[in-house]
Every structure is written in C-alpha cells, then in structure tokens.
Protein backbone atom coordinates (compact mmCIF):
# COMPACT_ATOMS: atom_id res chain seq x y z
CA UNK A 1 -15.06 -0.79 -31.03
CA UNK A 2 -13.01 2.30 -30.13
CA UNK A 3 -15.96 3.74 -28.22
CA UNK A 4 -16.36 0.46 -26.32
CA UNK A 5 -12.70 0.45 -25.30
CA UNK A 6 -12.94 4.09 -24.27
CA UNK A 7 -16.01 3.37 -22.17
CA UNK A 8 -14.34 0.40 -20.50
CA UNK A 9 -11.22 2.41 -19.71
CA UNK A 10 -13.30 5.28 -18.38
CA UNK A 11 -15.39 2.93 -16.25
CA UNK A 12 -12.20 1.31 -14.95
CA UNK A 13 -10.70 4.67 -13.94
CA UNK A 14 -13.90 5.95 -12.34
CA UNK A 15 -14.34 2.72 -10.38
CA UNK A 16 -10.71 2.76 -9.23
CA UNK A 17 -11.01 6.40 -8.25
CA UNK A 18 -14.07 5.70 -6.09
CA UNK A 19 -12.42 2.66 -4.48
CA UNK A 20 -9.38 4.81 -3.78
CA UNK A 21 -11.50 7.44 -2.02
CA UNK A 22 -13.04 4.71 0.15
CA UNK A 23 -9.62 3.34 1.09
CA UNK A 24 -8.39 6.85 1.90
CA UNK A 25 -11.48 7.49 4.04
CA UNK A 26 -10.81 4.25 5.93
CA UNK A 27 -7.20 5.32 6.51
CA UNK A 28 -8.44 8.63 7.94
CA UNK A 29 -10.72 6.75 10.36
CA UNK A 30 -7.82 4.54 11.48
CA UNK A 31 -5.58 7.54 12.02
CA UNK A 32 -8.31 9.33 13.97
CA UNK A 33 -9.07 6.34 16.22
CA UNK A 34 -5.53 5.20 16.94
CA UNK A 35 -5.41 2.28 14.45
CA UNK A 36 -8.54 0.79 16.03
CA UNK A 37 -10.07 -1.54 13.42
CA UNK A 38 -13.38 -1.89 15.31
CA UNK A 39 -14.05 1.83 15.89
CA UNK A 40 -17.00 3.41 14.09
CA UNK A 41 -16.77 6.76 12.33
CA UNK A 42 -17.94 9.57 14.61
CA UNK A 43 -18.19 13.34 14.49
CA UNK A 44 -15.15 14.97 16.11
CA UNK A 45 -17.40 17.49 17.86
CA UNK A 46 -20.59 15.74 19.03
CA UNK A 47 -19.16 12.19 18.82
CA UNK A 48 -22.35 10.97 17.18
CA UNK A 49 -21.92 7.77 15.16
CA UNK A 50 -22.28 8.70 11.51
CA UNK A 51 -24.88 7.28 9.15
CA UNK A 52 -24.00 5.39 6.00
CA UNK A 53 -25.10 8.42 3.97
CA UNK A 54 -22.58 10.53 5.90
CA UNK A 55 -19.74 8.22 4.93
CA UNK A 56 -19.80 8.34 1.13
CA UNK A 57 -16.36 9.73 0.23
CA UNK A 58 -16.39 13.24 -1.28
CA UNK A 59 -20.14 13.07 -2.01
CA UNK A 60 -21.21 13.29 1.65
CA UNK A 61 -18.93 16.26 2.28
CA UNK A 62 -20.34 18.11 -0.72
CA UNK A 63 -23.95 17.15 0.05
CA UNK A 64 -23.61 18.25 3.70
CA UNK A 65 -21.76 21.39 2.55
CA UNK A 66 -18.90 20.57 4.90
CA UNK A 67 -21.00 20.46 8.07
CA UNK A 68 -21.95 17.61 10.44
CA UNK A 69 -25.50 16.31 9.93
CA UNK A 70 -26.09 16.26 13.69
CA UNK A 71 -24.34 19.19 15.39
CA UNK A 72 -23.77 21.31 12.25
CA UNK A 73 -20.14 21.89 13.14
CA UNK A 74 -17.60 22.13 10.33
CA UNK A 75 -16.11 18.88 9.05
CA UNK A 76 -12.31 19.22 8.67
CA UNK A 77 -11.59 20.04 5.02
CA UNK A 78 -8.46 17.92 5.11
CA UNK A 79 -10.73 14.84 5.19
CA UNK A 80 -12.11 15.85 1.80
CA UNK A 81 -8.60 16.52 0.47
CA UNK A 82 -7.30 13.16 1.70
CA UNK A 83 -10.21 11.32 0.10
CA UNK A 84 -9.64 13.20 -3.15
CA UNK A 85 -5.90 12.41 -3.04
CA UNK A 86 -6.70 8.75 -2.31
CA UNK A 87 -8.78 8.55 -5.49
CA UNK A 88 -5.73 9.46 -7.58
CA UNK A 89 -3.22 7.68 -5.33
CA UNK A 90 -4.82 4.25 -5.83
CA UNK A 91 -5.98 4.96 -9.38
CA UNK A 92 -3.61 2.56 -11.15
CA UNK A 93 -4.19 -0.49 -8.93
CA UNK A 94 -5.24 -3.48 -11.03
CA UNK A 95 -7.79 -5.25 -8.84
CA UNK A 96 -8.01 -8.15 -11.30
CA UNK A 97 -4.36 -8.99 -10.61
CA UNK A 98 -3.67 -10.86 -7.36
CA UNK A 99 -0.16 -9.45 -6.99
CA UNK A 100 -1.48 -5.89 -7.26
CA UNK A 101 -3.03 -6.34 -3.84
CA UNK A 102 0.47 -6.42 -2.36
CA UNK A 103 1.06 -3.03 -3.96
CA UNK A 104 -2.29 -1.87 -2.57
CA UNK A 105 -1.27 -2.86 0.97
CA UNK A 106 2.17 -1.32 0.45
CA UNK A 107 0.68 2.00 -0.64
CA UNK A 108 -2.05 1.94 2.00
CA UNK A 109 0.44 1.90 4.86
CA UNK A 110 2.30 4.85 3.33
CA UNK A 111 -0.98 6.74 3.04
CA UNK A 112 -1.82 6.03 6.69
CA UNK A 113 1.66 7.11 7.75
CA UNK A 114 1.27 10.36 5.76
CA UNK A 115 -1.93 11.21 7.66
CA UNK A 116 -0.25 10.54 11.01
CA UNK A 117 2.82 12.49 9.94
CA UNK A 118 0.67 15.46 8.96
CA UNK A 119 -1.24 15.45 12.25
CA UNK A 120 1.55 14.60 14.68
CA UNK A 121 4.79 14.85 12.66
CA UNK A 122 5.57 11.33 13.83
CA UNK A 123 4.29 7.78 13.35
CA UNK A 124 4.75 4.33 14.79
CA UNK A 125 7.77 2.64 13.24
CA UNK A 126 5.83 -0.63 13.51
CA UNK A 127 3.64 0.58 10.64
CA UNK A 128 6.64 0.05 8.35
CA UNK A 129 6.90 -3.66 9.13
CA UNK A 130 4.35 -4.84 6.55
CA UNK A 131 5.64 -2.53 3.77
CA UNK A 132 9.19 -3.64 4.65
CA UNK A 133 8.27 -7.31 4.22
CA UNK A 134 6.56 -6.64 0.88
CA UNK A 135 9.42 -4.41 -0.29
CA UNK A 136 12.15 -6.87 0.75
CA UNK A 137 10.37 -9.74 -0.98
CA UNK A 138 9.98 -7.74 -4.18
CA UNK A 139 13.61 -6.66 -4.06
CA UNK A 140 14.86 -10.23 -3.65
CA UNK A 141 12.68 -11.44 -6.52
CA UNK A 142 14.13 -8.74 -8.78
CA UNK A 143 17.68 -9.00 -7.49
CA UNK A 144 19.01 -10.58 -10.68
CA UNK A 145 17.99 -7.54 -12.72
CA UNK A 146 19.84 -5.12 -10.42
CA UNK A 147 22.85 -3.63 -12.20
CA UNK A 148 26.13 -2.51 -10.62
CA UNK A 149 25.32 1.10 -11.55
CA UNK A 150 21.96 0.84 -9.77
CA UNK A 151 23.66 -0.58 -6.68
CA UNK A 152 26.27 2.19 -6.55
CA UNK A 153 23.65 4.87 -7.14
CA UNK A 154 21.43 3.46 -4.40
CA UNK A 155 24.37 3.36 -2.01
CA UNK A 156 25.25 6.99 -2.78
CA UNK A 157 21.68 8.14 -2.21
CA UNK A 158 21.39 6.14 1.00
CA UNK A 159 24.69 7.58 2.30
CA UNK A 160 23.71 11.15 1.44
CA UNK A 161 20.32 10.83 3.10
CA UNK A 162 21.89 9.15 6.14
CA UNK A 163 24.12 12.21 6.57
CA UNK A 164 21.03 14.43 6.45
CA UNK A 165 19.42 12.26 9.13
CA UNK A 166 22.56 12.52 11.25
CA UNK A 167 22.53 16.31 10.84
CA UNK A 168 18.83 16.27 11.80
CA UNK A 169 17.89 17.80 8.46
CA UNK A 170 15.74 14.78 7.66
CA UNK A 171 13.84 12.28 9.77
CA UNK A 172 14.82 8.61 9.98
CA UNK A 173 11.31 7.70 8.85
CA UNK A 174 11.84 9.63 5.60
CA UNK A 175 15.01 7.64 4.91
CA UNK A 176 13.24 4.35 5.58
CA UNK A 177 10.40 5.36 3.26
CA UNK A 178 12.92 6.10 0.50
CA UNK A 179 14.61 2.72 0.91
CA UNK A 180 11.29 0.87 0.82
CA UNK A 181 10.13 2.69 -2.31
CA UNK A 182 13.50 2.06 -3.98
CA UNK A 183 13.35 -1.65 -3.18
CA UNK A 184 9.74 -2.02 -4.31
CA UNK A 185 9.57 0.20 -7.40
CA UNK A 186 13.23 0.67 -8.20
CA UNK A 187 15.78 3.32 -7.40
CA UNK A 188 14.96 5.56 -10.40
CA UNK A 189 11.31 5.67 -9.36
CA UNK A 190 12.27 6.50 -5.77
CA UNK A 191 14.71 9.21 -6.86
CA UNK A 192 12.08 10.83 -9.07
CA UNK A 193 9.48 10.66 -6.30
CA UNK A 194 11.78 12.28 -3.75
CA UNK A 195 12.93 14.89 -6.25
CA UNK A 196 9.31 15.88 -6.87
CA UNK A 197 8.67 15.80 -3.11
CA UNK A 198 11.54 18.22 -2.53
CA UNK A 199 10.28 20.53 -5.29
CA UNK A 200 6.80 20.49 -3.75
CA UNK A 201 8.30 21.45 -0.39
CA UNK A 202 10.08 24.39 -2.03
CA UNK A 203 6.84 25.44 -3.70
CA UNK A 204 5.06 25.21 -0.34
CA UNK A 205 7.61 27.48 1.31
CA UNK A 206 7.53 29.78 -1.71
CA UNK A 207 3.78 30.20 -1.29
CA UNK A 208 4.15 30.69 2.45
CA UNK A 209 6.96 33.23 2.63
CA UNK A 210 6.25 34.12 6.24
CA UNK A 211 7.41 30.66 7.31
CA UNK A 212 11.03 30.44 8.43
CA UNK A 213 12.52 27.63 6.33
CA UNK A 214 15.43 26.99 8.72
CA UNK A 215 13.33 26.85 11.87
CA UNK A 216 10.13 25.16 10.67
CA UNK A 217 9.65 21.42 11.07
CA UNK A 218 7.55 20.20 8.17
CA UNK A 219 5.98 16.73 7.76
CA UNK A 220 7.62 15.31 4.64
CA UNK A 221 5.67 12.08 4.04
CA UNK A 222 2.52 13.86 2.75
CA UNK A 223 4.71 15.44 0.07
CA UNK A 224 6.03 11.97 -0.80
CA UNK A 225 2.44 10.77 -1.23
CA UNK A 226 1.75 13.75 -3.51
CA UNK A 227 4.87 12.93 -5.53
CA UNK A 228 3.84 9.28 -5.93
CA UNK A 229 0.54 10.50 -7.37
CA UNK A 230 2.42 12.72 -9.82
CA UNK A 231 4.89 9.98 -10.81
CA UNK A 232 2.22 7.40 -11.61
CA UNK A 233 0.16 9.88 -13.60
CA UNK A 234 2.99 11.19 -15.81
C-alpha cells in the first residue's frame, strides 16, 4: 500500500514536471514571436520550422547537444533553463481541480512576463490584466478572513515599495506583481517571495563582483519567479 502511494505521488510529480516544461516552452515561443498564438517554433538562426522531435522540452536540447538540427548553430541555453524552471514552477498545480486552472493561468502570465523582462527589461502592462482579474476575484472571495494586522502590514509594504518606485529604485511593474501575489496568495506569501527574491539578487551581485550594483539595471521578475519556486517547494 505504501509503495502504491509512493508510486502514485512520484508519477504525479513527474507528470506535473513534464507538463510544466511544456508550458514554459510555450511561453518562450510566445515571448520570441511577440505573443503571436499562431506562430510556429523556428530556429533563431536559419528560421527553419522545427520538427515535433525538436520540440520535446529538455529532451530535445540534450539529444541535439544544444545545436539546431538544421543549421547546427547553438540553441540558446536559456531556453533549456526556462523549461527546467517551468517544470518546478508548475509542479504543484492540481490538474484534477478546476479552480487550480485559475492559478495555472495566473502563474503562466508571470512566467511570460519574466521571460520578457529578462530579454528586454520591460513588458506590456496589458499582460497583467488577466492576473489582476484573477487576483482581485480571489482577494474579494477571501476578504472576510483578512485581519486588521494583515491590512496594516500590506499598506506598509505597499507604501514602502511605492517610495522605491518613486525614487526609481524599483520598477512599477515589480510593485504591481507584489500586489497581485499578495492578493492571490496572501501578504505573508508575497513578503516571503520578495524577501527571497531580494536575497537572490544579492547573491547574484555577490557572484558577479565586477558589476556595479548602483549603476546596473537588473530585471527583477525572473528572481521573483525563482523565489516562487523556492517558496512552494519549502
């Protein structure tokens, strides 16, 4: 019986991990093609439409040894890293629960925004509309359970981060992301995620000492995605 449960749990995690890599791969395609839902995956160098065998997340990259099947140019390694991150990022989604699909959509938009933020250090604010609707709905449904202490704490955090935005020490998008996470998962969850994000940024600068901390503009959303992975796994 114990072995059966273990096998079921293992199968569940492996399946979720693979689905997560597929979703992450799809997000990378959208980011690459300007949110074009009809665009096919192509090589960035020769622009050849990729085969199905070239599109298996993680496996294709390893099998092709990181090179395009057609022109033999290097495939960006960040694609592999994003697919790997997506496997863990969507790991805890319960696909048997209808309401979990709202969380899936919520997280997907954040993942897409992180890719755009990494590539361009900006993203379309319109991409926050769907997560905002989901987050606002969740917040209103859980409004009765919100305590006075939670409200005050959220207000303090929002005010502090607003000052950082005003001082141009933080982007407005980062503040909006924090608010949406706080409304969807709760303020404690959001605080922990952003604390871990900040620590990861410090680690990044610590490992790259040649970078000038005061003069370097760093995309923050990818670190938020990394922190959400950490928070759900601990």
